[in-house]
Amino acid sequence: MAALDTAAREARRPPPPPPPPPPAGDDGTGNGSSGGNGSSAAPPLPAPGWANRLPAVCQPWAGPITTAAKANGLDPRLFAALVWSESWCNPDAVSWAGALGLAQLMPSTAASLGVDPWVPEQNLDGGARYLSQQISRFGSVELGLAAYNAGPGAVTRYGGIPPFPETQNYVPTLLERYAHLAG
């Protein structure tokens, strides 16, 4: 039965996007500019310049992460740090608690957001939307991240970052990764 579940998931999940080659003359800023006279515009990069600071396994996901983050009013580097921390950019990740996919959405959260957690782009959109909701609800990135990890009820109950070791480590680790990506 597990083989059938895996086969069904594989049929629904598109393959990850290949990493884009850098355009000729790219200056590494992520905007496709060579600093030249501008006579021929390079195509825009699907992945921004900070993507080279991600682990190699995450770099192919920088474009879709950026799309989901911007659509939900988030800094793409913050959301990339979350996906890196949550799943190591593995679209097939399943946590001990049952969280699924790139952004590690709980099945009930994915359902409430109307996304299929096994479709990477939907998972990313759902994760970005949920993080944005938590940041808005609690008024800070730190508390929004804590709510993403431990649940909004725990943040409300404790009036801040809950005293759970996982969450106590999660928030600073994710913020360190965000700072690393921000360069």
Protein backbone atom coordinates (compact mmCIF):
# COMPACT_ATOMS: atom_id res chain seq x y z
CA MET A 1 0.00 0.00 0.00
CA ALA A 2 2.86 2.39 0.79
CA ALA A 3 4.20 1.83 -2.73
CA LEU A 4 0.83 2.89 -4.16
CA ASP A 5 0.78 6.02 -1.99
CA THR A 6 4.30 6.89 -3.16
CA ALA A 7 3.36 6.27 -6.79
CA ALA A 8 0.28 8.49 -6.45
CA ARG A 9 2.39 11.27 -4.91
CA GLU A 10 4.99 10.97 -7.66
CA ALA A 11 2.27 11.21 -10.33
CA ARG A 12 0.99 14.48 -8.81
CA ARG A 13 4.36 16.07 -8.10
CA PRO A 14 6.24 17.66 -10.99
CA PRO A 15 10.02 17.26 -10.99
CA PRO A 16 12.02 20.05 -9.37
CA PRO A 17 13.06 22.82 -11.71
CA PRO A 18 16.60 22.50 -13.05
CA PRO A 19 19.07 25.14 -11.88
CA PRO A 20 19.22 27.91 -14.45
CA PRO A 21 22.49 28.66 -16.21
CA PRO A 22 23.71 32.20 -15.53
CA PRO A 23 23.25 34.55 -18.45
CA ALA A 24 26.35 35.60 -20.33
CA GLY A 25 27.87 38.66 -18.73
CA ASP A 26 26.07 38.20 -15.42
CA ASP A 27 27.81 40.25 -12.74
CA GLY A 28 26.59 38.07 -9.88
CA THR A 29 24.08 40.58 -8.54
CA GLY A 30 21.16 38.48 -9.66
CA ASN A 31 19.71 41.12 -11.94
CA GLY A 32 21.30 39.89 -15.15
CA SER A 33 23.35 43.05 -15.59
CA SER A 34 26.88 42.91 -16.86
CA GLY A 35 27.52 46.54 -16.06
CA GLY A 36 28.15 47.14 -19.76
CA ASN A 37 26.49 49.52 -22.16
CA GLY A 38 23.14 47.74 -21.98
CA SER A 39 22.97 47.07 -25.73
CA SER A 40 21.50 43.61 -25.16
CA ALA A 41 19.43 42.85 -22.12
CA ALA A 42 20.05 39.47 -20.53
CA PRO A 43 16.95 37.48 -19.62
CA PRO A 44 15.92 37.82 -15.98
CA LEU A 45 17.28 35.17 -13.66
CA PRO A 46 14.70 32.83 -12.15
CA ALA A 47 16.91 32.65 -9.06
CA PRO A 48 18.03 35.85 -7.33
CA GLY A 49 21.68 36.65 -6.55
CA TRP A 50 21.45 35.47 -2.94
CA ALA A 51 20.55 31.95 -4.10
CA ASN A 52 24.23 31.02 -4.38
CA ARG A 53 24.40 31.27 -0.57
CA LEU A 54 21.84 28.47 -0.22
CA PRO A 55 22.99 24.86 0.09
CA ALA A 56 23.33 23.37 -3.41
CA VAL A 57 20.27 21.16 -2.88
CA CYS A 58 18.14 24.28 -2.28
CA GLN A 59 19.41 26.40 -5.17
CA PRO A 60 17.03 24.95 -7.80
CA TRP A 61 14.11 26.01 -5.60
CA ALA A 62 15.17 29.67 -5.24
CA GLY A 63 12.95 30.83 -8.12
CA PRO A 64 9.75 29.12 -6.88
CA ILE A 65 10.54 30.16 -3.28
CA THR A 66 10.91 33.77 -4.44
CA THR A 67 7.63 33.63 -6.38
CA ALA A 68 5.70 32.29 -3.38
CA ALA A 69 7.31 34.72 -0.96
CA LYS A 70 6.65 37.81 -3.08
CA ALA A 71 3.05 36.73 -3.75
CA ASN A 72 2.52 36.66 0.02
CA GLY A 73 4.39 39.83 0.99
CA LEU A 74 7.48 38.12 2.44
CA ASP A 75 11.18 38.72 1.99
CA PRO A 76 12.19 35.78 -0.24
CA ARG A 77 15.39 35.31 1.78
CA LEU A 78 13.37 34.82 4.98
CA PHE A 79 11.13 32.28 3.30
CA ALA A 80 14.14 30.52 1.74
CA ALA A 81 15.67 30.26 5.22
CA LEU A 82 12.42 28.68 6.43
CA VAL A 83 12.29 26.11 3.61
CA TRP A 84 15.98 25.34 4.14
CA SER A 85 15.36 24.85 7.87
CA GLU A 86 12.11 22.93 7.52
CA SER A 87 12.92 20.36 4.83
CA TRP A 88 16.40 20.98 3.42
CA CYS A 89 14.44 21.76 0.26
CA ASN A 90 13.16 18.20 -0.06
CA PRO A 91 9.70 18.15 -1.67
CA ASP A 92 9.19 14.60 -0.38
CA ALA A 93 10.06 15.38 3.26
CA VAL A 94 7.77 14.01 5.96
CA SER A 95 8.47 15.02 9.56
CA TRP A 96 8.02 12.91 12.68
CA ALA A 97 4.89 15.01 13.36
CA GLY A 98 3.46 14.41 9.88
CA ALA A 99 4.37 17.75 8.26
CA LEU A 100 4.74 17.44 4.50
CA GLY A 101 6.84 18.79 1.66
CA LEU A 102 9.13 21.75 1.15
CA ALA A 103 7.51 24.09 3.68
CA GLN A 104 6.53 21.20 6.00
CA LEU A 105 2.81 21.91 6.10
CA MET A 106 0.66 19.86 8.43
CA PRO A 107 -2.12 18.15 6.44
CA SER A 108 -4.82 20.14 8.28
CA THR A 109 -3.00 23.42 7.56
CA ALA A 110 -2.59 22.52 3.89
CA ALA A 111 -6.29 21.67 3.69
CA SER A 112 -7.30 24.94 5.37
CA LEU A 113 -5.12 26.83 2.88
CA GLY A 114 -6.56 24.86 -0.05
CA VAL A 115 -3.20 23.53 -1.24
CA ASP A 116 -1.91 20.08 -2.11
CA PRO A 117 1.23 19.66 0.02
CA TRP A 118 2.71 17.23 -2.53
CA VAL A 119 2.68 19.81 -5.34
CA PRO A 120 5.81 21.87 -4.61
CA GLU A 121 4.52 25.20 -5.90
CA GLN A 122 1.29 24.81 -3.91
CA ASN A 123 3.24 23.75 -0.82
CA LEU A 124 5.46 26.82 -1.13
CA ASP A 125 2.49 29.14 -1.66
CA GLY A 126 0.70 27.63 1.33
CA GLY A 127 3.80 27.88 3.53
CA ALA A 128 4.46 31.48 2.53
CA ARG A 129 0.81 32.42 3.07
CA TYR A 130 0.75 30.73 6.49
CA LEU A 131 4.00 32.40 7.59
CA SER A 132 2.71 35.78 6.42
CA GLN A 133 -0.51 35.23 8.40
CA GLN A 134 1.44 34.38 11.56
CA ILE A 135 3.75 37.40 11.24
CA SER A 136 0.69 39.64 10.79
CA ARG A 137 -1.14 37.99 13.68
CA PHE A 138 1.72 38.26 16.18
CA GLY A 139 3.32 41.48 14.91
CA SER A 140 6.91 40.25 14.59
CA VAL A 141 9.01 37.93 12.48
CA GLU A 142 10.31 36.11 15.56
CA LEU A 143 6.84 35.32 16.91
CA GLY A 144 5.58 34.49 13.42
CA LEU A 145 8.38 31.95 13.06
CA ALA A 146 7.64 30.53 16.50
CA ALA A 147 3.97 30.16 15.54
CA TYR A 148 4.94 28.48 12.27
CA ASN A 149 7.00 25.95 14.24
CA ALA A 150 5.01 25.38 17.43
CA GLY A 151 1.57 26.57 16.38
CA PRO A 152 -0.15 29.88 17.06
CA GLY A 153 -1.89 28.47 20.14
CA ALA A 154 1.46 27.83 21.83
CA VAL A 155 2.67 31.38 21.13
CA THR A 156 -0.57 32.79 22.51
CA ARG A 157 -0.54 30.48 25.54
CA TYR A 158 3.03 31.42 26.50
CA GLY A 159 2.79 35.07 25.47
CA GLY A 160 5.89 34.72 23.28
CA ILE A 161 8.26 32.08 22.00
CA PRO A 162 7.20 28.85 23.76
CA PRO A 163 9.72 27.16 26.06
CA PHE A 164 9.95 24.11 23.80
CA PRO A 165 13.60 23.24 23.02
CA GLU A 166 12.80 22.73 19.32
CA THR A 167 11.19 26.17 18.99
CA GLN A 168 13.82 27.83 21.19
CA ASN A 169 16.44 26.57 18.70
CA TYR A 170 14.31 26.98 15.56
CA VAL A 171 13.81 30.74 15.73
CA PRO A 172 17.48 31.77 16.17
CA THR A 173 18.70 29.15 13.69
CA LEU A 174 16.28 30.38 11.07
CA LEU A 175 17.19 34.02 11.72
CA GLU A 176 20.90 33.13 11.36
CA ARG A 177 20.18 31.50 8.02
CA TYR A 178 18.17 34.55 6.97
CA ALA A 179 21.11 36.82 7.88
CA HIS A 180 23.44 34.52 5.93
CA LEU A 181 21.23 34.78 2.84
CA ALA A 182 20.89 38.55 3.23
CA GLY A 183 24.69 38.71 3.12
